Every structure is written in C-alpha cells, then in structure tokens.
C-alpha cells in the first residue's frame, strides 16, 4: 500500500534544497518522464554531469528522490522521484524562523512564475487538444474546517487518479494540474 501521508517540509534546510531552480527542473523532469541519470539530466538542462550529480545527491539527502539500485550500473546511477514526495506540504511563514522566510517566499514566487507560463499556454493547448485540456473557475463559501476538508479531498482525488511515470498505463499522459484558492473578501 502506498504511503498516504503528506511529505511535509518542516526543516529549513530541506526547504532550501527544494527551492533551488535546477533541482526544481530535475524534479519536474522526473515527474514527467520518470527515472533518469545525471548525464541525461545534464544534457537536458545544459549542465555538467558533476553539477547535476551534486544536485541529485542533495535531493536524495532530503528525501525527494532515490537511486534505483537494480537499474544502476558502475558509474551510471538512475534516479526516481520518491513516491511519498508526490504530496509535498510547505510550512506557513509563521512556522519558519524569520531568516528562513525569504526561501519560502522565493519558492512560491518560482512556482507562480511556472504557473503563469502554464496559464498563458492554456488557450493554445485547448485549441490544439481540447479533450486533454480542462479548466474550471469556481467560487465557494466555506468554513476553515470545510476548506481544509475540501483541500484534503482534492489531494486524495489527485493521488487516486495519478500514476508515477514508470507505473503509468500506456495511454496515460503527464498533466499539469493546479489548484489555488485565496480569500475573495480581501482587497
């Protein structure tokens, strides 16, 4: 049975490891395409193998990826995203010491930049492949407890229907799926 617990990033060092731009790109590649080597990632990202190896070791150190021993041979090491790290939960600013809050802010800034790029691609993607492009804009009124339950149900639904790249059925496609919510009664 899969580990259903969220992967909580409580340690500031773990958050810093996750917030690095190259590591974000590596994790994104492993999510989309499945296992890869340092050499493969280096070629794709325009980086030297030593650089990608270092960043992969950092991701492994903090539990985001793991080596695939049965696939690794000699100097060629294969890496995959840790299944438990599919539902990553970040601390709130108040849970971090003041000196670590800028790292959280930068992580969110980079994520929103990536999301803006996706939103800008949406109309063209919809024209090209409407059966695989869906959008929803909603409005709700919830208590804090209901909102928390809604979020947990959304994550559970996402995990229920998502497959790691190496276990996906042949007709499965990688999809960008985003949910963000913010209060509508603030200026």
Protein backbone atom coordinates (compact mmCIF):
# COMPACT_ATOMS: atom_id res chain seq x y z
CA UNK A 1 0.00 0.00 0.00
CA UNK A 2 1.24 3.48 -0.84
CA UNK A 3 2.30 5.83 1.91
CA UNK A 4 -0.66 8.23 2.01
CA UNK A 5 0.89 10.77 4.41
CA UNK A 6 1.89 14.18 3.06
CA UNK A 7 5.59 14.85 2.63
CA UNK A 8 5.98 17.81 4.99
CA UNK A 9 8.89 20.17 4.51
CA UNK A 10 9.41 21.39 8.06
CA UNK A 11 13.20 21.60 8.06
CA UNK A 12 14.51 24.90 6.60
CA UNK A 13 17.45 23.04 5.03
CA UNK A 14 15.01 20.72 3.25
CA UNK A 15 13.05 23.74 2.02
CA UNK A 16 16.27 25.32 0.70
CA UNK A 17 17.09 22.08 -1.11
CA UNK A 18 13.67 22.09 -2.74
CA UNK A 19 13.76 25.80 -3.64
CA UNK A 20 16.84 25.61 -5.87
CA UNK A 21 15.93 26.31 -9.54
CA UNK A 22 17.94 23.42 -11.03
CA UNK A 23 16.54 20.96 -8.52
CA UNK A 24 13.02 22.10 -9.34
CA UNK A 25 13.74 21.42 -13.02
CA UNK A 26 15.13 17.99 -12.18
CA UNK A 27 12.10 17.07 -10.09
CA UNK A 28 9.81 18.30 -12.85
CA UNK A 29 11.64 16.11 -15.38
CA UNK A 30 11.48 13.06 -13.11
CA UNK A 31 7.75 13.67 -12.61
CA UNK A 32 7.02 13.96 -16.31
CA UNK A 33 9.37 11.39 -17.78
CA UNK A 34 10.27 9.03 -14.98
CA UNK A 35 13.74 7.80 -13.99
CA UNK A 36 16.85 9.46 -15.39
CA UNK A 37 20.60 9.59 -14.93
CA UNK A 38 22.77 12.55 -14.04
CA UNK A 39 24.10 12.52 -17.60
CA UNK A 40 20.61 12.60 -19.11
CA UNK A 41 19.55 15.45 -16.86
CA UNK A 42 22.76 17.34 -17.57
CA UNK A 43 22.19 17.13 -21.32
CA UNK A 44 18.58 18.25 -20.99
CA UNK A 45 19.34 21.13 -18.62
CA UNK A 46 22.60 22.26 -20.23
CA UNK A 47 24.63 21.47 -17.12
CA UNK A 48 27.76 19.45 -16.46
CA UNK A 49 27.31 15.97 -15.06
CA UNK A 50 29.20 16.93 -11.89
CA UNK A 51 26.71 19.73 -11.29
CA UNK A 52 23.68 17.52 -11.84
CA UNK A 53 25.20 14.78 -9.68
CA UNK A 54 25.66 17.25 -6.83
CA UNK A 55 22.06 18.46 -7.07
CA UNK A 56 20.75 14.90 -7.30
CA UNK A 57 22.64 14.00 -4.13
CA UNK A 58 21.08 17.00 -2.37
CA UNK A 59 17.60 15.91 -3.47
CA UNK A 60 18.37 12.39 -2.24
CA UNK A 61 19.76 13.67 1.07
CA UNK A 62 16.47 15.43 1.84
CA UNK A 63 14.26 12.56 0.70
CA UNK A 64 12.84 13.89 -2.59
CA UNK A 65 14.43 11.27 -4.87
CA UNK A 66 16.05 7.86 -4.55
CA UNK A 67 18.51 5.80 -6.53
CA UNK A 68 17.19 2.77 -8.42
CA UNK A 69 19.84 0.17 -7.46
CA UNK A 70 18.58 -2.55 -9.80
CA UNK A 71 18.94 -0.20 -12.76
CA UNK A 72 22.21 1.47 -11.76
CA UNK A 73 25.49 0.02 -13.01
CA UNK A 74 29.03 1.18 -12.32
CA UNK A 75 29.15 4.96 -12.54
CA UNK A 76 25.70 5.24 -14.14
CA UNK A 77 23.17 5.85 -11.39
CA UNK A 78 19.45 6.02 -12.15
CA UNK A 79 17.19 8.25 -10.05
CA UNK A 80 13.44 8.45 -9.48
CA UNK A 81 11.09 10.66 -7.54
CA UNK A 82 10.18 9.21 -4.15
CA UNK A 83 6.52 8.18 -4.24
CA UNK A 84 5.87 9.73 -0.83
CA UNK A 85 7.13 13.09 -2.14
CA UNK A 86 4.21 13.49 -4.56
CA UNK A 87 2.14 15.38 -1.96
CA UNK A 88 4.61 17.98 -0.69
CA UNK A 89 3.34 20.30 2.06
CA UNK A 90 5.18 23.50 2.87
CA UNK A 91 5.31 25.33 6.18
CA UNK A 92 3.47 28.59 6.69
CA UNK A 93 5.67 31.67 7.14
CA UNK A 94 4.88 31.64 10.87
CA UNK A 95 6.29 28.11 11.18
CA UNK A 96 9.71 29.28 9.99
CA UNK A 97 12.26 31.45 11.73
CA UNK A 98 12.31 34.95 10.19
CA UNK A 99 15.66 34.35 8.48
CA UNK A 100 14.22 31.36 6.53
CA UNK A 101 11.00 33.02 5.36
CA UNK A 102 12.61 34.52 2.22
CA UNK A 103 13.35 30.97 0.99
CA UNK A 104 9.66 30.08 1.27
CA UNK A 105 8.70 33.30 -0.50
CA UNK A 106 11.17 32.56 -3.31
CA UNK A 107 9.85 29.00 -3.64
CA UNK A 108 6.32 30.36 -4.06
CA UNK A 109 7.50 33.08 -6.48
CA UNK A 110 9.20 30.50 -8.71
CA UNK A 111 6.12 28.28 -8.58
CA UNK A 112 3.78 31.11 -9.54
CA UNK A 113 6.09 32.04 -12.42
CA UNK A 114 5.86 28.44 -13.68
CA UNK A 115 2.08 28.54 -13.22
CA UNK A 116 1.76 31.83 -15.15
CA UNK A 117 3.58 30.22 -18.07
CA UNK A 118 1.10 27.33 -17.98
CA UNK A 119 -1.90 29.67 -17.86
CA UNK A 120 -0.55 31.58 -20.85
CA UNK A 121 -0.25 28.31 -22.81
CA UNK A 122 -3.80 27.25 -21.91
CA UNK A 123 -5.75 28.79 -24.88
CA UNK A 124 -3.39 27.37 -27.49
CA UNK A 125 -3.32 23.97 -25.80
CA UNK A 126 -7.12 23.96 -25.67
CA UNK A 127 -7.37 24.76 -29.39
CA UNK A 128 -4.87 22.02 -30.21
CA UNK A 129 -6.15 19.24 -27.95
CA UNK A 130 -9.49 20.08 -26.25
CA UNK A 131 -10.07 16.52 -24.99
CA UNK A 132 -6.96 16.77 -22.82
CA UNK A 133 -7.27 20.38 -21.67
CA UNK A 134 -9.76 21.24 -18.94
CA UNK A 135 -10.30 24.39 -16.95
CA UNK A 136 -12.52 25.35 -14.09
CA UNK A 137 -13.07 28.62 -12.33
CA UNK A 138 -15.15 28.44 -9.24
CA UNK A 139 -16.30 30.30 -6.22
CA UNK A 140 -17.22 28.88 -2.86
CA UNK A 141 -18.07 29.92 0.64
CA UNK A 142 -16.63 27.60 3.28
CA UNK A 143 -15.66 27.49 6.92
CA UNK A 144 -11.98 26.94 7.70
CA UNK A 145 -12.74 23.30 8.58
CA UNK A 146 -14.68 22.80 5.33
CA UNK A 147 -11.90 24.42 3.32
CA UNK A 148 -9.33 22.12 4.95
CA UNK A 149 -11.53 19.09 4.17
CA UNK A 150 -12.01 20.29 0.58
CA UNK A 151 -8.25 20.61 0.10
CA UNK A 152 -7.55 17.15 1.55
CA UNK A 153 -10.28 15.62 -0.66
CA UNK A 154 -8.76 17.33 -3.71
CA UNK A 155 -5.29 15.95 -2.91
CA UNK A 156 -6.75 12.46 -2.30
CA UNK A 157 -8.54 12.59 -5.65
CA UNK A 158 -5.36 13.71 -7.41
CA UNK A 159 -3.36 10.87 -5.82
CA UNK A 160 -6.09 8.32 -6.61
CA UNK A 161 -6.00 9.02 -10.34
CA UNK A 162 -2.29 9.83 -10.78
CA UNK A 163 0.43 7.33 -11.68
CA UNK A 164 4.19 7.63 -11.30
CA UNK A 165 5.78 7.73 -14.78
CA UNK A 166 7.22 4.22 -14.52
CA UNK A 167 3.85 2.70 -13.45
CA UNK A 168 1.54 4.61 -15.78
CA UNK A 169 -0.68 2.79 -18.29
CA UNK A 170 0.47 3.15 -21.93
CA UNK A 171 -2.28 5.66 -22.77
CA UNK A 172 -1.60 7.90 -19.73
CA UNK A 173 -0.24 11.38 -20.37
CA UNK A 174 1.53 13.71 -17.95
CA UNK A 175 -0.76 16.60 -17.00
CA UNK A 176 -0.15 19.90 -15.23
CA UNK A 177 -2.86 20.23 -12.60
CA UNK A 178 -3.12 23.31 -10.42
CA UNK A 179 -5.36 24.35 -7.57
CA UNK A 180 -5.03 27.63 -5.78
CA UNK A 181 -7.51 29.36 -3.57
CA UNK A 182 -7.46 32.69 -1.81
CA UNK A 183 -9.98 34.75 0.12
CA UNK A 184 -12.37 36.76 -2.04
CA UNK A 185 -13.20 39.27 0.69
CA UNK A 186 -9.76 40.91 0.76
CA UNK A 187 -8.81 43.89 -1.40
